[in-house]
Protein backbone atom coordinates (compact mmCIF):
# COMPACT_ATOMS: atom_id res chain seq x y z
CA UNK A 1 -23.35 11.94 -12.41
CA UNK A 2 -21.13 14.02 -10.16
CA UNK A 3 -18.34 11.60 -9.21
CA UNK A 4 -16.85 13.89 -6.57
CA UNK A 5 -20.15 14.26 -4.74
CA UNK A 6 -20.95 10.56 -4.95
CA UNK A 7 -17.56 9.53 -3.57
CA UNK A 8 -17.76 12.18 -0.84
CA UNK A 9 -21.04 10.73 0.38
CA UNK A 10 -19.68 7.18 0.11
CA UNK A 11 -16.67 7.97 2.28
CA UNK A 12 -18.82 9.81 4.79
CA UNK A 13 -20.80 6.57 5.08
CA UNK A 14 -17.59 4.54 5.43
CA UNK A 15 -16.70 6.58 8.51
CA UNK A 16 -20.11 5.88 10.02
CA UNK A 17 -19.63 2.17 9.30
CA UNK A 18 -16.07 2.19 10.70
CA UNK A 19 -14.30 1.05 7.55
CA UNK A 20 -10.65 0.11 8.24
CA UNK A 21 -9.36 3.19 6.38
CA UNK A 22 -11.37 5.52 8.61
CA UNK A 23 -10.17 4.28 12.01
CA UNK A 24 -7.86 6.87 13.62
CA UNK A 25 -4.53 5.98 15.17
CA UNK A 26 -4.35 5.41 18.91
CA UNK A 27 -3.10 7.63 21.71
CA UNK A 28 -0.20 5.20 22.09
CA UNK A 29 0.76 5.70 18.42
CA UNK A 30 0.72 9.47 18.85
CA UNK A 31 2.84 9.36 21.99
CA UNK A 32 5.37 7.11 20.25
CA UNK A 33 5.53 9.55 17.33
CA UNK A 34 6.19 12.44 19.70
CA UNK A 35 9.17 10.46 20.97
CA UNK A 36 10.53 9.78 17.49
CA UNK A 37 9.10 6.29 16.95
CA UNK A 38 6.71 6.38 14.04
CA UNK A 39 5.70 4.87 10.69
CA UNK A 40 3.15 5.84 8.06
CA UNK A 41 1.92 4.04 4.95
CA UNK A 42 1.07 5.09 1.41
CA UNK A 43 -0.10 1.55 0.62
CA UNK A 44 -1.77 -1.05 2.87
CA UNK A 45 1.18 -2.72 4.59
CA UNK A 46 4.73 -1.53 3.88
CA UNK A 47 5.88 1.53 5.88
CA UNK A 48 7.27 4.44 3.89
CA UNK A 49 11.08 4.43 4.26
CA UNK A 50 12.15 7.12 6.71
CA UNK A 51 14.87 8.18 4.28
CA UNK A 52 12.13 9.38 1.93
CA UNK A 53 11.45 12.21 4.41
CA UNK A 54 13.53 15.26 5.25
CA UNK A 55 13.60 16.40 8.88
CA UNK A 56 9.94 16.58 9.93
CA UNK A 57 10.38 19.41 12.42
CA UNK A 58 8.37 22.34 11.03
CA UNK A 59 8.04 20.69 7.60
CA UNK A 60 4.93 21.96 5.81
CA UNK A 61 3.07 18.86 4.64
CA UNK A 62 -0.14 18.59 2.64
CA UNK A 63 -1.99 15.34 3.35
CA UNK A 64 -3.74 15.07 -0.01
CA UNK A 65 -6.96 13.02 0.07
CA UNK A 66 -5.50 11.71 3.31
CA UNK A 67 -8.28 12.14 5.85
CA UNK A 68 -9.20 9.54 8.42
CA UNK A 69 -6.87 10.32 11.30
CA UNK A 70 -4.22 7.82 10.24
CA UNK A 71 -1.20 9.49 8.63
CA UNK A 72 -1.71 13.16 9.46
CA UNK A 73 -1.75 12.86 13.26
CA UNK A 74 1.40 10.70 13.23
CA UNK A 75 3.33 13.18 11.08
CA UNK A 76 2.04 16.10 13.17
CA UNK A 77 3.04 14.38 16.40
CA UNK A 78 6.50 13.84 14.90
CA UNK A 79 6.84 17.60 14.42
CA UNK A 80 5.45 18.44 10.98
CA UNK A 81 3.09 21.32 10.15
CA UNK A 82 0.15 19.36 8.70
CA UNK A 83 -2.76 20.37 6.49
CA UNK A 84 -5.22 17.60 5.61
CA UNK A 85 -7.20 18.13 2.40
CA UNK A 86 -9.97 15.61 1.76
CA UNK A 87 -13.29 15.24 -0.03
CA UNK A 88 -15.09 13.73 3.00
CA UNK A 89 -16.15 15.85 5.95
CA UNK A 90 -16.41 12.78 8.14
CA UNK A 91 -12.87 11.71 7.27
CA UNK A 92 -11.59 15.19 8.09
CA UNK A 93 -13.42 15.04 11.41
CA UNK A 94 -11.23 12.09 12.43
CA UNK A 95 -8.11 14.22 12.04
CA UNK A 96 -9.71 17.22 13.72
CA UNK A 97 -10.74 15.19 16.78
CA UNK A 98 -7.22 13.87 17.30
CA UNK A 99 -5.75 17.30 16.70
CA UNK A 100 -7.97 18.78 19.41
CA UNK A 101 -7.39 15.93 21.84
CA UNK A 102 -3.58 15.95 21.54
CA UNK A 103 -2.86 19.57 20.58
CA UNK A 104 -1.47 18.64 17.15
CA UNK A 105 -2.52 21.84 15.36
CA UNK A 106 -3.70 19.98 12.24
CA UNK A 107 -5.50 22.15 9.70
CA UNK A 108 -8.37 20.46 7.83
CA UNK A 109 -9.85 21.64 4.53
CA UNK A 110 -12.56 19.98 2.47
CA UNK A 111 -12.20 19.83 -1.30
CA UNK A 112 -11.62 17.91 -4.51
CA UNK A 113 -8.02 16.70 -5.04
CA UNK A 114 -8.18 17.91 -8.65
CA UNK A 115 -8.61 21.51 -7.49
CA UNK A 116 -6.10 22.89 -4.97
CA UNK A 117 -6.86 26.54 -5.80
CA UNK A 118 -7.41 27.24 -2.10
CA UNK A 119 -3.60 27.03 -1.76
CA UNK A 120 -1.10 29.51 -3.16
CA UNK A 121 1.81 28.52 -5.37
CA UNK A 122 4.76 26.93 -3.54
CA UNK A 123 2.90 26.48 -0.24
CA UNK A 124 4.24 23.07 0.86
CA UNK A 125 7.51 21.22 1.34
CA UNK A 126 5.94 17.78 0.89
CA UNK A 127 2.69 16.23 -0.34
CA UNK A 128 1.68 12.90 1.20
CA UNK A 129 -0.95 11.17 -0.96
CA UNK A 130 -1.88 7.62 0.13
CA UNK A 131 -3.86 5.43 -2.30
CA UNK A 132 -6.72 7.73 -3.24
CA UNK A 133 -6.31 8.89 -6.85
CA UNK A 134 -8.21 5.71 -7.72
CA UNK A 135 -11.33 7.70 -6.79
CA UNK A 136 -10.62 10.41 -9.38
CA UNK A 137 -11.50 10.04 -13.05
CA UNK A 138 -8.65 12.23 -14.36
CA UNK A 139 -5.12 12.37 -12.90
CA UNK A 140 -3.59 15.13 -15.02
CA UNK A 141 -5.01 18.05 -12.98
CA UNK A 142 -3.95 16.32 -9.74
CA UNK A 143 -0.29 16.10 -10.76
CA UNK A 144 -0.33 19.66 -12.16
CA UNK A 145 -1.80 21.05 -8.96
CA UNK A 146 0.65 19.09 -6.81
CA UNK A 147 3.53 20.54 -8.82
CA UNK A 148 2.14 24.06 -8.46
CA UNK A 149 1.65 24.05 -4.68
CA UNK A 150 5.03 22.44 -3.89
CA UNK A 151 8.05 24.57 -3.19
CA UNK A 152 11.17 24.08 -5.35
CA UNK A 153 12.76 20.76 -4.35
CA UNK A 154 9.44 19.78 -2.75
CA UNK A 155 8.56 16.10 -2.51
CA UNK A 156 5.48 14.22 -3.77
CA UNK A 157 4.84 10.80 -2.19
CA UNK A 158 1.99 8.84 -3.71
CA UNK A 159 0.40 5.42 -3.20
CA UNK A 160 -0.89 3.90 -6.43
CA UNK A 161 -2.66 0.73 -7.59
CA UNK A 162 -1.32 -1.73 -10.14
CA UNK A 163 -3.67 -1.23 -13.12
CA UNK A 164 -3.91 -4.96 -13.82
CA UNK A 165 -5.85 -5.37 -10.56
CA UNK A 166 -8.82 -3.69 -12.24
CA UNK A 167 -8.61 -5.90 -15.33
CA UNK A 168 -9.05 -9.14 -13.37
CA UNK A 169 -12.29 -10.96 -12.65
CA UNK A 170 -13.65 -11.65 -9.15
CA UNK A 171 -11.07 -12.58 -6.51
CA UNK A 172 -12.72 -15.93 -5.85
CA UNK A 173 -12.39 -17.06 -9.48
CA UNK A 174 -9.74 -19.70 -10.09
CA UNK A 175 -7.81 -19.27 -12.24
CA UNK A 176 -7.85 -15.49 -12.30
CA UNK A 177 -8.93 -14.12 -15.66
CA UNK A 178 -8.43 -10.80 -17.39
CA UNK A 179 -11.92 -9.61 -18.32
CA UNK A 180 -11.71 -5.79 -18.39
CA UNK A 181 -9.72 -3.58 -20.74
CA UNK A 182 -7.41 -0.81 -19.62
CA UNK A 183 -7.98 1.87 -18.49
CA UNK A 184 -10.71 0.61 -16.18
CA UNK A 185 -13.66 2.69 -14.98
CA UNK A 186 -16.60 1.61 -12.83
CA UNK A 187 -18.72 3.92 -14.97
CA UNK A 188 -17.73 2.51 -18.34
CA UNK A 189 -16.36 -0.99 -17.71
CA UNK A 190 -18.98 -2.61 -15.53
CA UNK A 191 -22.24 -4.12 -16.80
CA UNK A 192 -25.16 -1.81 -16.07
CA UNK A 193 -26.61 -4.02 -13.32
CA UNK A 194 -23.31 -4.07 -11.41
CA UNK A 195 -22.86 -0.32 -11.74
CA UNK A 196 -26.45 0.30 -10.63
CA UNK A 197 -25.84 -1.87 -7.55
CA UNK A 198 -22.61 0.01 -6.68
CA UNK A 199 -24.44 3.31 -6.86
CA UNK A 200 -27.47 2.02 -4.92
CA UNK A 201 -25.18 0.62 -2.21
CA UNK A 202 -23.37 3.99 -1.99
CA UNK A 203 -20.01 2.41 -2.75
CA UNK A 204 -17.20 4.70 -4.00
CA UNK A 205 -16.66 4.71 -7.74
CA UNK A 206 -13.14 3.68 -8.76
CA UNK A 207 -10.90 4.15 -11.78
CA UNK A 208 -8.00 1.86 -12.67
CA UNK A 209 -5.57 4.30 -14.26
CA UNK A 210 -2.82 3.21 -16.63
CA UNK A 211 0.86 3.43 -15.71
CA UNK A 212 1.12 6.22 -18.25
CA UNK A 213 -1.41 8.27 -16.28
CA UNK A 214 -0.04 7.32 -12.87
CA UNK A 215 3.67 7.74 -13.58
CA UNK A 216 4.07 9.28 -17.02
CA UNK A 217 1.78 12.20 -16.22
CA UNK A 218 3.72 12.93 -13.03
CA UNK A 219 6.83 13.27 -15.18
CA UNK A 220 5.00 15.44 -17.73
CA UNK A 221 3.86 17.72 -14.92
CA UNK A 222 7.55 18.36 -14.20
CA UNK A 223 8.38 15.88 -11.46
CA UNK A 224 11.54 13.79 -11.30
CA UNK A 225 11.05 10.28 -9.93
CA UNK A 226 13.58 9.41 -7.22
CA UNK A 227 12.34 6.14 -5.69
CA UNK A 228 9.71 3.41 -5.93
CA UNK A 229 8.53 0.29 -4.09
CA UNK A 230 5.79 -2.32 -4.41
CA UNK A 231 3.37 -3.61 -1.78
CA UNK A 232 0.50 -6.07 -1.36
CA UNK A 233 -2.28 -6.89 1.13
CA UNK A 234 0.19 -8.56 3.50
CA UNK A 235 -1.32 -11.97 2.79
CA UNK A 236 -4.92 -10.89 3.39
CA UNK A 237 -6.09 -11.52 -0.19
CA UNK A 238 -5.52 -14.32 -2.73
CA UNK A 239 -3.99 -11.94 -5.28
CA UNK A 240 -0.92 -11.63 -3.04
CA UNK A 241 0.20 -15.07 -4.22
CA UNK A 242 0.47 -13.77 -7.80
CA UNK A 243 1.57 -10.13 -7.89
CA UNK A 244 1.83 -6.90 -5.89
CA UNK A 245 -1.37 -4.86 -6.01
CA UNK A 246 0.20 -1.54 -5.02
CA UNK A 247 3.22 0.63 -5.56
CA UNK A 248 4.47 3.90 -4.14
CA UNK A 249 6.44 6.65 -5.86
CA UNK A 250 8.64 9.41 -4.54
CA UNK A 251 9.14 12.38 -6.86
CA UNK A 252 10.62 15.85 -6.48
CA UNK A 253 9.93 19.24 -7.99
CA UNK A 254 13.39 20.21 -9.13
CA UNK A 255 14.23 23.72 -7.96
């Protein structure tokens, strides 16, 4: 099956159903950002440290697989030159609507995060990639393309998922049990009946990538890791009592 097309349609449906990751920020949030009071997230709860960012004024940022009107409008309101690149037209529409309403000049482009050929080499100062590579089956081309389109000394910020999360059984099971091998894939790890139900329900297909693919392949692409933090669901899910489900990395393309 075509994973990119399936996940595009699934996220378009999420927007229609008002999934939490498709709800745009408020007018109040945008006005605060214009006045220098802002936060954005790569993972569900913990704000990205402001010291991870250079001066946002005029900074050329690519919001990679970052549609939904959540991070892009805040960064644009804070002064950055934002391009949002996303697989879902409906997610992109959330950014476009806010851009039009508040004169944020956000550019929106639809496409697959594994193929950034629409952009020239060294086009951006920073790439902001919240947790989304989980919807791609192969990370190597993503990191290579990110390296290519960043300027020398450009920054890659990425939200990632702890691979053990995908090895565990259902959240409601007690005690939690490891039942899937790594790396995890909805396509190859799930029993056929569960996979068939996911596809029938138009749920996005997910891939639990190893740390080697999430971090090691960034380094192989040429990046230098400069910072890291962990995050969880802020107490919303039982797994928070055991371990952090997410982490974020900051890497640079050494000039």
